[in-house]
């Protein structure tokens, strides 16, 4: 017999899949960073209590809705580059626990470090 959280399991899975699909609209570097962050966060929150689970789902649903809107704007505005995300208010930051602030700092560092994945060099030295 399924437990009392069984209905939420399908909601969590659907939200997780939706977010990963929405990340396909992001620039490649942001997609990779976002996918990894989502996977870690969903893994980390598997065993939280009901109140924390509801808040977690609510926040990720808000994120998914915002990303969906921004991806649609990006598709419609081919001339203008869309800015993905939203600024964090001081009120929202004050609600964060120390662990969340640490995660946010790590995410910021990862998002702002130079992309070392590709080494683009002047290939004129290789021409005859």
Protein backbone atom coordinates (compact mmCIF):
# COMPACT_ATOMS: atom_id res chain seq x y z
CA UNK A 1 0.00 0.00 0.00
CA UNK A 2 1.48 3.38 -0.98
CA UNK A 3 2.54 5.77 1.78
CA UNK A 4 0.95 9.17 2.41
CA UNK A 5 3.57 10.91 0.22
CA UNK A 6 2.96 8.68 -2.81
CA UNK A 7 0.94 11.33 -4.70
CA UNK A 8 3.84 13.76 -4.26
CA UNK A 9 6.35 11.39 -5.85
CA UNK A 10 4.78 11.78 -9.28
CA UNK A 11 4.58 15.56 -8.75
CA UNK A 12 8.27 15.68 -7.85
CA UNK A 13 9.29 13.57 -10.85
CA UNK A 14 7.17 15.64 -13.24
CA UNK A 15 8.63 18.88 -11.89
CA UNK A 16 12.18 17.50 -12.12
CA UNK A 17 11.65 16.45 -15.76
CA UNK A 18 9.99 19.77 -16.60
CA UNK A 19 12.93 21.76 -15.23
CA UNK A 20 15.49 19.69 -17.13
CA UNK A 21 13.46 20.16 -20.33
CA UNK A 22 13.24 23.91 -19.73
CA UNK A 23 17.00 24.05 -19.25
CA UNK A 24 17.35 23.12 -22.94
CA UNK A 25 16.43 26.73 -23.73
CA UNK A 26 19.40 28.05 -21.73
CA UNK A 27 22.81 28.83 -23.17
CA UNK A 28 24.97 25.69 -23.05
CA UNK A 29 27.08 26.74 -20.04
CA UNK A 30 24.01 27.69 -18.00
CA UNK A 31 22.24 24.48 -18.99
CA UNK A 32 25.12 22.33 -17.72
CA UNK A 33 25.38 24.32 -14.50
CA UNK A 34 21.61 24.35 -13.99
CA UNK A 35 21.19 20.63 -14.66
CA UNK A 36 23.88 19.75 -12.14
CA UNK A 37 22.43 22.09 -9.52
CA UNK A 38 18.89 20.73 -9.96
CA UNK A 39 20.10 17.14 -9.68
CA UNK A 40 22.03 17.90 -6.49
CA UNK A 41 19.16 19.83 -4.90
CA UNK A 42 16.52 17.20 -5.66
CA UNK A 43 18.86 14.49 -4.35
CA UNK A 44 19.63 16.51 -1.21
CA UNK A 45 15.93 17.04 -0.42
CA UNK A 46 14.72 13.46 -0.85
CA UNK A 47 14.15 12.85 2.87
CA UNK A 48 12.98 16.24 4.16
CA UNK A 49 9.84 16.60 6.25
CA UNK A 50 6.45 17.47 4.76
CA UNK A 51 6.64 21.22 5.48
CA UNK A 52 10.10 21.53 3.92
CA UNK A 53 9.03 19.36 0.99
CA UNK A 54 6.08 21.66 0.26
CA UNK A 55 8.27 24.76 0.39
CA UNK A 56 10.92 23.07 -1.78
CA UNK A 57 8.34 22.11 -4.43
CA UNK A 58 6.69 25.53 -4.34
CA UNK A 59 10.02 27.31 -4.92
CA UNK A 60 11.00 25.00 -7.79
CA UNK A 61 7.55 25.38 -9.38
CA UNK A 62 7.99 29.17 -9.27
CA UNK A 63 11.42 28.74 -10.87
CA UNK A 64 10.00 26.48 -13.61
CA UNK A 65 7.22 28.95 -14.39
CA UNK A 66 9.67 31.87 -14.56
CA UNK A 67 12.03 29.91 -16.80
CA UNK A 68 9.15 28.88 -19.08
CA UNK A 69 8.13 32.54 -19.49
CA UNK A 70 11.70 33.65 -20.16
CA UNK A 71 12.26 30.85 -22.69
CA UNK A 72 9.10 31.93 -24.55
CA UNK A 73 10.29 35.54 -24.56
CA UNK A 74 13.64 34.35 -25.92
CA UNK A 75 11.93 32.49 -28.78
CA UNK A 76 9.79 35.51 -29.66
CA UNK A 77 12.62 38.08 -29.42
CA UNK A 78 15.21 36.81 -31.85
CA UNK A 79 16.88 40.25 -32.00
CA UNK A 80 17.26 40.83 -28.29
CA UNK A 81 19.23 38.57 -25.94
CA UNK A 82 17.07 37.30 -23.07
CA UNK A 83 18.37 37.57 -19.55
CA UNK A 84 17.54 34.35 -17.71
CA UNK A 85 16.88 34.33 -13.98
CA UNK A 86 15.75 36.96 -11.54
CA UNK A 87 17.47 39.11 -8.92
CA UNK A 88 17.29 37.90 -5.33
CA UNK A 89 15.70 40.41 -3.00
CA UNK A 90 17.24 41.20 0.36
CA UNK A 91 14.10 39.80 1.99
CA UNK A 92 14.55 36.48 0.17
CA UNK A 93 18.26 36.35 1.07
CA UNK A 94 17.41 36.94 4.73
CA UNK A 95 15.24 33.79 4.64
CA UNK A 96 18.21 31.63 3.59
CA UNK A 97 20.02 29.37 6.04
CA UNK A 98 23.83 29.55 6.27
CA UNK A 99 24.11 26.37 4.19
CA UNK A 100 21.99 27.94 1.45
CA UNK A 101 24.12 31.10 1.45
CA UNK A 102 27.20 28.88 1.03
CA UNK A 103 25.55 27.05 -1.88
CA UNK A 104 24.60 30.36 -3.46
CA UNK A 105 28.20 31.58 -3.21
CA UNK A 106 29.47 28.35 -4.80
CA UNK A 107 26.91 28.68 -7.58
CA UNK A 108 27.91 32.30 -8.21
CA UNK A 109 31.60 31.36 -8.36
CA UNK A 110 30.88 28.54 -10.77
CA UNK A 111 28.66 30.71 -12.96
CA UNK A 112 31.12 33.59 -13.16
CA UNK A 113 34.41 31.78 -13.65
CA UNK A 114 35.92 31.89 -17.13
CA UNK A 115 34.97 29.03 -19.39
CA UNK A 116 38.09 26.87 -19.69
CA UNK A 117 36.29 24.16 -21.64
CA UNK A 118 37.39 25.43 -25.04
CA UNK A 119 40.85 26.62 -26.02
CA UNK A 120 40.48 29.02 -28.92
CA UNK A 121 43.75 30.15 -30.38
CA UNK A 122 44.86 32.01 -33.42
CA UNK A 123 45.41 29.26 -35.95
CA UNK A 124 47.37 31.50 -38.35
CA UNK A 125 50.62 30.08 -36.95
CA UNK A 126 49.60 26.68 -38.31
CA UNK A 127 49.04 27.92 -41.86
CA UNK A 128 51.79 27.58 -44.45
